[in-house]
Amino acid sequence: SYSVTIYDNAGVQVVSTGYLTPDGSDVSHAALATLEHITSQLAIALNNAFLAKGVSSIYHASWAGNVVWLKTTDGRNFNVQPVSDPAATSMTVIKDKAQLFSDLPRYAPEGYVVKITGSEDAIASAGYYLRAEKTFEILSSVGLSEVSWVECPKPGVSVGFDKTTMPVQVKRNVDGTFTIDYISYAGRSAGDEESAPDPKFVGSKIGGVFFYANRFGIFSGESIDMSVSGDLFSMYPTSLATSLSTDPVNVTISSPRVSILKYVVPFNESCILFSDTHQYIMQSQGGLSNATISIDPATDFVINSKVEPIATGVNIYFANRHGDYAEVREYYLNNITAPKEASNITLHTPTYIPSSINWITSNGSGTVLSFGASSTLD
């Protein structure tokens, strides 16, 4: 026997009905015990019960294959309690969520979204969402289709960025001119605010951008967010059903010292991070991912935050102030894996470069450095 009881949102029973398969004493009984026949009889019994209770204008049951679809015309909430004999095929209720992907039916309303709450195929403990996409129309009059289940974001969740508040791009045109334009960043395509949270820079002031290991990086405060590998403007994971090595990378400086990042300089398969008073080295053991990335303290120099450090040749150069004059220091390749010191290359000319500089540039090989203040070369 198969029975179904419907309760309203207050827990009051609306209807209870079911279907009893024949005992199999006749060969004709076999056709009356198929899943499709049982399903159709349960749906018919439910609609008859709704009619008898005077609620058929609110509750309705449709069916296709082995699926009964229960819905209300006014969107009110309700609950379903199925019961079947131990020897009978079990019934599963899917209402907004299911534990296993394998629980999902072959037939469903197109666009219906289900949350998979957790299983061996759910890497993210917070679960992930799947949407029914029509592969074949079964019976349009009942609203059910044969579907495939495709990963999607939680309904109603914010899916993207306001591009007018995000970094822009400069494009070189064929005539040699340049165009500044907004970037079409990919939105959240899976999960929700818990399982696929916004990057740390959302709601904060962006400190700067960089490129590293085939990823586009954005830093804000003490945090760094890097895009999907090879997809520079995708800052959200593309799937939560599986963990991918190309997933976005999110990392924050772990230090008792406040270290608001000013610059990130990619160099020699790592990145040197600069705050006003501290420097760090960011690197990964193996392929870059959330599991392999690390940020370690390097040096503690006060820098001139108006002057962006530059990497050139086998060195990184940065400036700091010393009274009315500037000091320029150098990280070099041999100590970049664990830098503990940055040499003062202006030690022999302490009063040559004024402290008012706001940029450094190089001839490319690092043999000549130029310094400037505003548009005036010094």
Protein backbone atom coordinates (compact mmCIF):
# COMPACT_ATOMS: atom_id res chain seq x y z
CA SER A 1 0.00 0.00 0.00
CA TYR A 2 1.03 3.58 -0.68
CA SER A 3 -0.39 6.54 1.20
CA VAL A 4 0.21 10.28 1.16
CA THR A 5 -0.83 12.83 3.77
CA ILE A 6 -0.78 16.58 3.07
CA TYR A 7 -0.41 19.07 5.93
CA ASP A 8 -0.72 22.84 5.76
CA ASN A 9 2.03 25.08 7.09
CA ALA A 10 0.46 25.05 10.57
CA GLY A 11 0.65 21.25 10.69
CA VAL A 12 -3.10 20.71 10.15
CA GLN A 13 -3.98 17.77 7.94
CA VAL A 14 -5.44 18.77 4.59
CA VAL A 15 -6.04 15.33 3.06
CA SER A 16 -4.82 11.75 3.43
CA THR A 17 -5.25 9.14 0.72
CA GLY A 18 -3.45 6.36 -1.08
CA TYR A 19 -3.43 3.42 -3.42
CA LEU A 20 -3.44 -0.33 -2.71
CA THR A 21 -1.89 -2.58 -5.33
CA PRO A 22 -3.71 -5.85 -6.10
CA ASP A 23 -2.49 -9.06 -4.49
CA GLY A 24 -1.07 -10.55 -7.71
CA SER A 25 -3.53 -13.46 -7.84
CA ASP A 26 -4.26 -12.68 -11.48
CA VAL A 27 -1.86 -12.09 -14.36
CA SER A 28 -3.62 -8.81 -15.12
CA HIS A 29 -2.50 -7.46 -11.76
CA ALA A 30 1.07 -6.97 -13.01
CA ALA A 31 0.09 -3.95 -15.08
CA LEU A 32 -1.58 -2.43 -12.01
CA ALA A 33 1.60 -2.63 -9.93
CA THR A 34 4.02 -0.74 -12.18
CA LEU A 35 5.59 2.43 -10.85
CA GLU A 36 3.91 4.51 -13.57
CA HIS A 37 0.46 3.10 -12.72
CA ILE A 38 0.96 3.52 -8.97
CA THR A 39 2.10 7.10 -9.56
CA SER A 40 -0.92 7.96 -11.69
CA GLN A 41 -3.32 6.40 -9.18
CA LEU A 42 -1.77 8.34 -6.29
CA ALA A 43 -2.14 11.60 -8.22
CA ILE A 44 -5.76 10.79 -9.13
CA ALA A 45 -6.51 9.83 -5.52
CA LEU A 46 -5.00 13.09 -4.27
CA ASN A 47 -7.01 15.21 -6.72
CA ASN A 48 -10.20 13.38 -5.73
CA ALA A 49 -9.39 14.00 -2.06
CA PHE A 50 -8.77 17.70 -2.75
CA LEU A 51 -12.12 17.89 -4.54
CA ALA A 52 -13.93 16.14 -1.70
CA LYS A 53 -12.33 18.44 0.86
CA GLY A 54 -13.27 21.54 -1.16
CA VAL A 55 -9.65 22.62 -1.72
CA SER A 56 -9.20 21.57 -5.35
CA SER A 57 -8.95 25.23 -6.38
CA ILE A 58 -5.83 25.50 -4.18
CA TYR A 59 -4.12 22.09 -4.28
CA HIS A 60 -3.42 20.06 -7.40
CA ALA A 61 -1.44 16.93 -8.31
CA SER A 62 0.11 16.19 -11.71
CA TRP A 63 2.18 13.20 -12.72
CA ALA A 64 4.62 11.90 -15.31
CA GLY A 65 6.52 8.64 -15.18
CA ASN A 66 7.11 7.85 -11.51
CA VAL A 67 6.83 11.49 -10.33
CA VAL A 68 3.87 13.20 -8.66
CA TRP A 69 4.09 16.99 -8.66
CA LEU A 70 2.09 18.70 -5.92
CA LYS A 71 1.56 22.44 -6.05
CA THR A 72 -0.70 25.18 -4.73
CA THR A 73 -2.25 27.84 -6.93
CA ASP A 74 -1.68 30.62 -4.41
CA GLY A 75 1.90 29.68 -3.48
CA ARG A 76 1.06 28.69 0.10
CA ASN A 77 3.47 26.37 1.89
CA PHE A 78 2.60 22.77 2.73
CA ASN A 79 4.26 19.53 3.79
CA VAL A 80 4.01 15.96 2.51
CA GLN A 81 4.25 12.73 4.49
CA PRO A 82 4.48 9.56 2.34
CA VAL A 83 4.13 6.05 3.77
CA SER A 84 4.64 2.75 1.93
CA ASP A 85 4.78 -0.89 3.04
CA PRO A 86 8.29 -2.17 3.81
CA ALA A 87 7.99 -4.56 0.87
CA ALA A 88 6.91 -1.80 -1.51
CA THR A 89 9.06 0.62 -3.50
CA SER A 90 9.89 3.54 -1.20
CA MET A 91 8.69 7.07 -1.91
CA THR A 92 10.93 10.12 -1.63
CA VAL A 93 9.73 13.67 -1.07
CA ILE A 94 11.78 16.40 -2.71
CA LYS A 95 10.80 19.88 -1.64
CA ASP A 96 13.50 22.46 -2.34
CA LYS A 97 16.26 20.11 -1.18
CA ALA A 98 17.54 16.54 -1.39
CA GLN A 99 20.39 14.76 0.31
CA LEU A 100 21.80 12.98 -2.75
CA PHE A 101 22.08 13.86 -6.41
CA SER A 102 20.84 10.33 -7.12
CA ASP A 103 17.55 11.18 -5.35
CA LEU A 104 16.59 13.66 -8.07
CA PRO A 105 13.81 12.55 -10.44
CA ARG A 106 13.89 12.19 -14.20
CA TYR A 107 10.80 14.38 -14.52
CA ALA A 108 10.32 17.81 -12.96
CA PRO A 109 8.91 21.28 -13.67
CA GLU A 110 11.36 23.18 -15.87
CA GLY A 111 13.37 25.65 -13.79
CA TYR A 112 12.72 23.91 -10.46
CA VAL A 113 15.73 24.36 -8.15
CA VAL A 114 16.86 21.82 -5.55
CA LYS A 115 19.60 22.15 -2.95
CA ILE A 116 21.81 19.08 -2.50
CA THR A 117 22.49 19.22 1.22
CA GLY A 118 25.47 16.92 1.47
CA SER A 119 26.84 13.59 0.31
CA GLU A 120 29.97 11.96 -0.97
CA ASP A 121 29.58 13.89 -4.20
CA ALA A 122 29.18 17.26 -2.42
CA ILE A 123 32.61 18.66 -1.73
CA ALA A 124 31.22 21.84 -0.21
CA SER A 125 29.71 21.04 3.18
CA ALA A 126 27.21 23.85 2.71
CA GLY A 127 25.74 22.04 -0.29
CA TYR A 128 25.05 23.15 -3.84
CA TYR A 129 22.08 23.92 -6.07
CA LEU A 130 20.77 22.26 -9.22
CA ARG A 131 18.15 23.51 -11.66
CA ALA A 132 15.91 21.32 -13.85
CA GLU A 133 16.51 22.06 -17.53
CA LYS A 134 14.10 20.57 -20.06
CA THR A 135 15.47 17.90 -22.38
CA PHE A 136 12.11 16.61 -23.64
CA GLU A 137 8.52 17.77 -23.12
CA ILE A 138 6.43 15.00 -21.58
CA LEU A 139 3.03 16.60 -21.28
CA SER A 140 2.82 20.36 -21.36
CA SER A 141 -0.66 20.33 -19.86
CA VAL A 142 0.70 19.06 -16.52
CA GLY A 143 3.88 21.19 -16.51
CA LEU A 144 6.32 18.30 -16.18
CA SER A 145 9.22 17.62 -18.53
CA GLU A 146 12.02 15.15 -18.84
CA VAL A 147 14.95 17.12 -17.43
CA SER A 148 18.65 17.19 -16.77
CA TRP A 149 19.94 18.75 -13.55
CA VAL A 150 22.40 21.63 -14.02
CA GLU A 151 24.32 23.44 -11.29
CA CYS A 152 23.06 26.96 -10.55
CA PRO A 153 23.13 29.64 -7.82
CA LYS A 154 20.59 29.79 -5.03
CA PRO A 155 17.40 31.53 -6.23
CA GLY A 156 17.37 35.19 -5.26
CA VAL A 157 21.05 35.33 -4.33
CA SER A 158 23.16 38.22 -5.59
CA VAL A 159 24.91 36.84 -8.65
CA GLY A 160 27.44 39.47 -9.61
CA PHE A 161 29.26 42.76 -9.18
CA ASP A 162 28.38 46.34 -9.96
CA LYS A 163 30.89 46.78 -12.78
CA THR A 164 30.88 50.55 -12.31
CA THR A 165 32.63 50.05 -8.95
CA MET A 166 35.12 47.46 -10.25
CA PRO A 167 38.51 47.82 -11.96
CA VAL A 168 38.25 48.89 -15.61
CA GLN A 169 40.39 47.97 -18.61
CA VAL A 170 42.36 50.05 -21.08
CA LYS A 171 42.16 48.79 -24.67
CA ARG A 172 44.55 49.75 -27.43
CA ASN A 173 42.71 50.48 -30.66
CA VAL A 174 44.03 49.72 -34.15
CA ASP A 175 44.61 53.44 -34.81
CA GLY A 176 46.93 53.70 -31.82
CA THR A 177 44.41 55.39 -29.52
CA PHE A 178 43.22 53.92 -26.24
CA THR A 179 39.76 53.27 -24.83
CA ILE A 180 38.85 52.88 -21.16
CA ASP A 181 35.94 50.50 -20.70
CA TYR A 182 34.09 48.51 -18.05
CA ILE A 183 34.82 44.79 -17.67
CA SER A 184 32.05 42.20 -17.86
CA TYR A 185 32.89 40.13 -14.78
CA ALA A 186 31.36 36.67 -14.49
CA GLY A 187 28.72 36.42 -11.78
CA ARG A 188 28.05 33.73 -9.19
CA SER A 189 27.05 30.64 -11.19
CA ALA A 190 26.78 28.20 -8.29
CA GLY A 191 26.07 28.12 -4.56
CA ASP A 192 25.04 30.92 -2.22
CA GLU A 193 26.57 33.47 0.15
CA GLU A 194 27.76 30.69 2.47
CA SER A 195 29.08 28.09 0.04
CA ALA A 196 30.38 30.58 -2.55
CA PRO A 197 30.92 33.78 -0.55
CA ASP A 198 31.67 37.13 -2.12
CA PRO A 199 35.34 38.00 -2.56
CA LYS A 200 36.77 39.95 0.35
CA PHE A 201 36.94 43.18 -1.66
CA VAL A 202 33.14 43.36 -1.99
CA GLY A 203 31.92 46.26 0.14
CA SER A 204 35.49 47.48 0.68
CA LYS A 205 37.87 49.86 -1.02
CA ILE A 206 40.01 48.10 -3.63
CA GLY A 207 43.71 48.67 -3.00
CA GLY A 208 45.01 47.52 -6.38
CA VAL A 209 45.24 44.75 -8.96
CA PHE A 210 47.91 42.39 -10.31
CA PHE A 211 48.39 39.31 -12.49
CA TYR A 212 49.96 36.15 -11.12
CA ALA A 213 50.02 32.48 -12.19
CA ASN A 214 47.47 33.01 -14.98
CA ARG A 215 45.08 34.69 -12.53
CA PHE A 216 43.81 38.24 -12.08
CA GLY A 217 44.26 39.42 -8.50
CA ILE A 218 42.48 42.11 -6.52
CA PHE A 219 43.59 43.13 -3.03
CA SER A 220 41.73 45.05 -0.38
CA GLY A 221 42.78 45.68 3.21
CA GLU A 222 44.71 42.59 4.32
CA SER A 223 43.00 40.22 1.87
CA ILE A 224 43.77 39.01 -1.64
CA ASP A 225 41.34 37.45 -4.12
CA MET A 226 42.50 35.78 -7.33
CA SER A 227 40.32 34.69 -10.24
CA VAL A 228 39.63 31.29 -11.73
CA SER A 229 42.81 30.11 -13.42
CA GLY A 230 42.70 31.07 -17.08
CA ASP A 231 39.41 32.95 -16.68
CA LEU A 232 40.68 36.32 -15.52
CA PHE A 233 37.36 37.98 -14.77
CA SER A 234 35.65 35.08 -12.96
CA MET A 235 35.98 35.58 -9.20
CA TYR A 236 33.48 32.92 -8.06
CA PRO A 237 33.89 29.11 -8.22
CA THR A 238 32.26 27.63 -11.31
CA SER A 239 31.10 24.54 -9.42
CA LEU A 240 30.54 23.44 -5.83
CA ALA A 241 29.64 19.86 -6.71
CA THR A 242 33.34 19.20 -7.29
CA SER A 243 36.51 20.89 -6.11
CA LEU A 244 38.64 22.14 -9.01
CA SER A 245 42.31 23.11 -9.08
CA THR A 246 41.30 26.15 -11.12
CA ASP A 247 38.96 27.51 -8.41
CA PRO A 248 39.44 31.12 -7.23
CA VAL A 249 42.03 31.67 -4.52
CA ASN A 250 41.29 33.77 -1.42
CA VAL A 251 43.93 34.48 1.21
CA THR A 252 44.37 36.93 4.09
CA ILE A 253 47.52 38.00 5.90
CA SER A 254 47.67 36.25 9.25
CA SER A 255 49.69 38.52 11.51
CA PRO A 256 49.28 40.26 14.88
CA ARG A 257 50.33 43.44 13.06
CA VAL A 258 47.88 45.50 11.02
CA SER A 259 49.12 45.28 7.43
CA ILE A 260 46.91 47.13 4.97
CA LEU A 261 48.27 46.18 1.57
CA LYS A 262 49.50 48.93 -0.72
CA TYR A 263 51.13 46.91 -3.50
CA VAL A 264 51.48 43.32 -4.73
CA VAL A 265 54.46 42.69 -7.00
CA PRO A 266 54.68 39.31 -8.80
CA PHE A 267 58.29 38.14 -8.95
CA ASN A 268 60.15 34.85 -9.49
CA GLU A 269 57.12 32.54 -9.10
CA SER A 270 56.04 34.37 -5.96
CA CYS A 271 54.62 37.76 -4.97
CA ILE A 272 56.08 40.37 -2.64
CA LEU A 273 53.36 42.12 -0.65
CA PHE A 274 53.94 45.66 0.60
CA SER A 275 52.14 47.46 3.40
CA ASP A 276 53.27 50.82 4.80
CA THR A 277 55.59 49.18 7.31
CA HIS A 278 55.87 45.47 6.52
CA GLN A 279 56.65 43.19 3.59
CA TYR A 280 55.51 39.61 3.02
CA ILE A 281 56.16 36.87 0.49
CA MET A 282 53.22 35.02 -1.02
CA GLN A 283 53.95 31.72 -2.73
CA SER A 284 52.52 28.23 -3.25
CA GLN A 285 53.89 24.74 -2.88
CA GLY A 286 52.99 23.20 -6.23
CA GLY A 287 50.02 24.40 -8.27
CA LEU A 288 48.41 27.55 -6.92
CA SER A 289 45.26 26.81 -4.91
CA ASN A 290 43.68 27.64 -1.56
CA ALA A 291 45.35 24.54 -0.12
CA THR A 292 48.88 25.38 -1.28
CA ILE A 293 49.14 29.16 -0.95
CA SER A 294 50.92 30.79 1.98
CA ILE A 295 51.91 34.28 3.12
CA ASP A 296 55.02 34.61 5.28
CA PRO A 297 56.66 37.69 6.88
CA ALA A 298 59.72 39.01 5.03
CA THR A 299 61.01 42.40 6.16
CA ASP A 300 59.86 45.43 8.15
CA PHE A 301 60.77 48.53 6.16
CA VAL A 302 58.72 51.72 6.12
CA ILE A 303 57.96 52.46 2.48
CA ASN A 304 56.84 55.54 0.60
CA SER A 305 53.35 54.33 -0.26
CA LYS A 306 53.04 56.91 -3.07
CA VAL A 307 55.80 55.17 -5.02
CA GLU A 308 54.84 51.83 -6.55
CA PRO A 309 57.62 49.24 -6.29
CA ILE A 310 58.84 47.83 -9.60
CA ALA A 311 60.24 44.45 -10.64
CA THR A 312 62.93 44.63 -13.26
CA GLY A 313 65.52 42.10 -14.31
CA VAL A 314 66.28 40.02 -11.22
CA ASN A 315 65.41 42.74 -8.69
CA ILE A 316 62.53 44.56 -7.03
CA TYR A 317 63.05 48.22 -6.11
CA PHE A 318 61.03 50.25 -3.62
CA ALA A 319 61.47 53.65 -1.97
CA ASN A 320 61.15 55.06 1.51
CA ARG A 321 61.66 58.50 3.00
CA HIS A 322 64.68 59.62 4.98
CA GLY A 323 64.04 63.22 5.95
CA ASP A 324 63.99 65.40 2.83
CA TYR A 325 65.44 62.63 0.70
CA ALA A 326 64.47 59.21 -0.59
CA GLU A 327 66.14 55.88 -0.01
CA VAL A 328 65.78 53.16 -2.62
CA ARG A 329 66.05 49.54 -1.55
CA GLU A 330 66.51 46.37 -3.55
CA TYR A 331 65.29 42.81 -3.24
CA TYR A 332 67.34 40.55 -5.48
CA LEU A 333 66.75 37.09 -6.90
CA ASN A 334 69.13 35.15 -4.67
CA ASN A 335 67.27 36.07 -1.49
CA ILE A 336 63.72 36.32 -2.83
CA THR A 337 62.76 32.83 -1.67
CA ALA A 338 63.16 33.93 1.94
CA PRO A 339 64.09 37.62 1.94
CA LYS A 340 65.17 39.04 5.29
CA GLU A 341 66.99 42.08 4.03
CA ALA A 342 66.67 44.69 1.28
CA SER A 343 69.88 46.54 0.42
CA ASN A 344 69.94 50.35 0.41
CA ILE A 345 71.31 51.10 -3.08
CA THR A 346 71.34 54.87 -2.41
CA LEU A 347 73.57 54.59 0.63
CA HIS A 348 76.44 56.29 -1.21
CA THR A 349 74.17 59.16 -2.44
CA PRO A 350 71.94 59.88 0.55
CA THR A 351 71.01 63.42 -0.55
CA TYR A 352 70.60 62.86 -4.28
CA ILE A 353 66.95 61.78 -4.68
CA PRO A 354 64.29 64.06 -3.11
CA SER A 355 61.56 62.54 -0.93
CA SER A 356 58.89 64.08 -3.18
CA ILE A 357 59.24 61.36 -5.85
CA ASN A 358 56.06 59.42 -6.64
CA TRP A 359 57.22 56.95 -9.29
CA ILE A 360 60.10 54.73 -10.30
CA THR A 361 60.73 53.34 -13.77
CA SER A 362 63.48 51.29 -15.36
CA ASN A 363 65.08 50.66 -18.74
CA GLY A 364 63.86 47.04 -18.48
CA SER A 365 67.10 45.31 -17.62
CA GLY A 366 67.41 47.14 -14.32
CA THR A 367 70.71 48.80 -15.21
CA VAL A 368 69.16 52.27 -15.17
CA LEU A 369 66.47 53.56 -12.78
CA SER A 370 64.60 56.85 -13.22
CA PHE A 371 62.61 58.68 -10.57
CA GLY A 372 59.95 61.31 -10.95
CA ALA A 373 57.58 63.62 -9.10
CA SER A 374 54.28 64.33 -10.83
CA SER A 375 55.18 64.97 -14.48
CA THR A 376 58.65 66.35 -13.78
CA LEU A 377 61.66 64.06 -14.16
CA ASP A 378 64.37 64.30 -11.51
